[in-house]
Amino acid sequence: MHDHSHKAAPGLENELTSVLENEGIPLAHVLEDPDENGTIVLTNGVTLLTDAEGAVIVTALAHDGYRAMSGTAVEEAICHRTRQTLQRLGYPTAPHSASYNTLRVTARPSLN
């Protein structure tokens, strides 16, 4: 029997989606852009994705449909607010690689 204790809890992505929405952190609305093999961000917010280890990658995205505003500062602000919210609720968060707009959440709050 393998020990999967290093993996995050199943359903964490759905749980975090609800938690963030309840805390007023919007989910980004994103369109796939088939021509450029990328995405078009329609509204500011976060996207959530479960990685191979079962951790949830939370990425802050800023509206880039018109590229009128610099997305970096907006994304940093959303990411900062998201990190503060998750930490206040007890979720362990870590930066994901060196990205300024991405967090990695590995587990639910411990109940001690």
Protein backbone atom coordinates (compact mmCIF):
# COMPACT_ATOMS: atom_id res chain seq x y z
CA MET A 1 0.00 0.00 0.00
CA HIS A 2 1.46 3.32 -1.05
CA ASP A 3 1.46 6.31 1.27
CA HIS A 4 -0.34 9.17 -0.43
CA SER A 5 -0.22 11.50 2.55
CA HIS A 6 1.92 13.95 0.57
CA LYS A 7 -0.96 14.43 -1.83
CA ALA A 8 -3.50 17.12 -1.16
CA ALA A 9 -7.02 16.24 -0.15
CA PRO A 10 -9.34 15.27 -3.01
CA GLY A 11 -11.91 17.90 -3.83
CA LEU A 12 -9.61 20.69 -2.70
CA GLU A 13 -10.02 22.58 -5.98
CA ASN A 14 -13.83 22.66 -5.69
CA GLU A 15 -13.59 23.61 -2.03
CA LEU A 16 -11.18 26.48 -2.73
CA THR A 17 -13.37 27.69 -5.59
CA SER A 18 -16.30 28.00 -3.16
CA VAL A 19 -14.16 29.51 -0.40
CA LEU A 20 -12.71 32.20 -2.67
CA GLU A 21 -16.10 33.07 -4.16
CA ASN A 22 -17.56 33.34 -0.64
CA GLU A 23 -14.70 35.66 0.31
CA GLY A 24 -15.41 37.91 -2.66
CA ILE A 25 -12.42 36.89 -4.77
CA PRO A 26 -13.75 36.49 -8.29
CA LEU A 27 -12.97 33.68 -10.66
CA ALA A 28 -11.42 34.90 -13.89
CA HIS A 29 -13.46 34.36 -17.02
CA VAL A 30 -11.11 33.03 -19.68
CA LEU A 31 -11.62 32.17 -23.35
CA GLU A 32 -9.34 29.81 -25.20
CA ASP A 33 -7.83 31.58 -28.20
CA PRO A 34 -7.43 28.91 -30.88
CA ASP A 35 -5.45 31.17 -33.23
CA GLU A 36 -2.70 32.05 -30.78
CA ASN A 37 -2.81 28.86 -28.70
CA GLY A 38 -3.32 30.97 -25.63
CA THR A 39 -6.12 32.42 -23.59
CA ILE A 40 -7.97 35.71 -23.52
CA VAL A 41 -8.83 36.95 -20.04
CA LEU A 42 -12.25 38.60 -19.98
CA THR A 43 -12.52 39.49 -16.30
CA ASN A 44 -10.03 39.89 -13.47
CA GLY A 45 -9.85 37.05 -10.97
CA VAL A 46 -8.26 33.71 -10.25
CA THR A 47 -8.16 30.36 -12.00
CA LEU A 48 -7.66 27.07 -10.16
CA LEU A 49 -5.97 23.95 -11.47
CA THR A 50 -5.00 20.74 -9.68
CA ASP A 51 -1.44 19.65 -10.44
CA ALA A 52 0.07 16.17 -10.59
CA GLU A 53 0.76 16.12 -6.84
CA GLY A 54 -2.83 17.03 -6.06
CA ALA A 55 -1.98 20.57 -4.99
CA VAL A 56 -4.15 23.38 -6.31
CA ILE A 57 -2.43 26.05 -8.38
CA VAL A 58 -4.24 29.38 -7.97
CA THR A 59 -3.31 31.90 -10.66
CA ALA A 60 -4.36 35.55 -10.56
CA LEU A 61 -5.21 36.92 -14.01
CA ALA A 62 -5.98 40.45 -15.11
CA HIS A 63 -8.27 41.41 -17.96
CA ASP A 64 -6.18 41.58 -21.13
CA GLY A 65 -8.86 41.87 -23.78
CA TYR A 66 -7.69 45.36 -24.69
CA ARG A 67 -4.29 45.43 -22.98
CA ALA A 68 -4.99 49.01 -22.02
CA MET A 69 -3.83 48.50 -18.47
CA SER A 70 -0.75 46.76 -17.19
CA GLY A 71 -1.91 43.42 -15.89
CA THR A 72 1.09 42.82 -13.66
CA ALA A 73 0.13 45.15 -10.81
CA VAL A 74 -3.49 44.00 -10.92
CA GLU A 75 -2.46 40.34 -10.88
CA GLU A 76 -0.07 40.96 -7.98
CA ALA A 77 -2.87 42.67 -6.04
CA ILE A 78 -5.33 39.84 -6.67
CA CYS A 79 -2.69 37.27 -5.73
CA HIS A 80 -1.81 39.16 -2.54
CA ARG A 81 -5.46 39.39 -1.52
CA THR A 82 -5.99 35.71 -2.29
CA ARG A 83 -2.94 34.71 -0.24
CA GLN A 84 -4.08 36.83 2.72
CA THR A 85 -7.57 35.34 2.55
CA LEU A 86 -6.33 31.74 2.38
CA GLN A 87 -3.83 32.27 5.19
CA ARG A 88 -6.50 33.86 7.37
CA LEU A 89 -8.67 30.79 6.76
CA GLY A 90 -5.77 28.48 7.61
CA TYR A 91 -4.89 27.09 4.17
CA PRO A 92 -1.16 26.50 3.73
CA THR A 93 0.00 28.47 0.69
CA ALA A 94 3.34 28.70 -1.03
CA PRO A 95 4.49 30.67 -4.05
CA HIS A 96 4.42 28.50 -7.16
CA SER A 97 7.90 28.65 -8.70
CA ALA A 98 8.99 32.27 -8.95
CA SER A 99 5.75 33.52 -10.41
CA TYR A 100 4.43 36.77 -8.98
CA ASN A 101 0.78 35.84 -9.63
CA THR A 102 0.56 32.17 -8.68
CA LEU A 103 0.04 30.34 -5.38
CA ARG A 104 0.16 26.64 -4.57
CA VAL A 105 -2.25 25.30 -1.95
CA THR A 106 -1.35 21.84 -0.68
CA ALA A 107 -3.85 21.03 2.04
CA ARG A 108 -6.93 21.96 3.99
CA PRO A 109 -6.61 23.90 7.24
CA SER A 110 -5.41 21.78 10.13
CA LEU A 111 -7.95 21.61 12.91
CA ASN A 112 -5.76 22.16 15.95
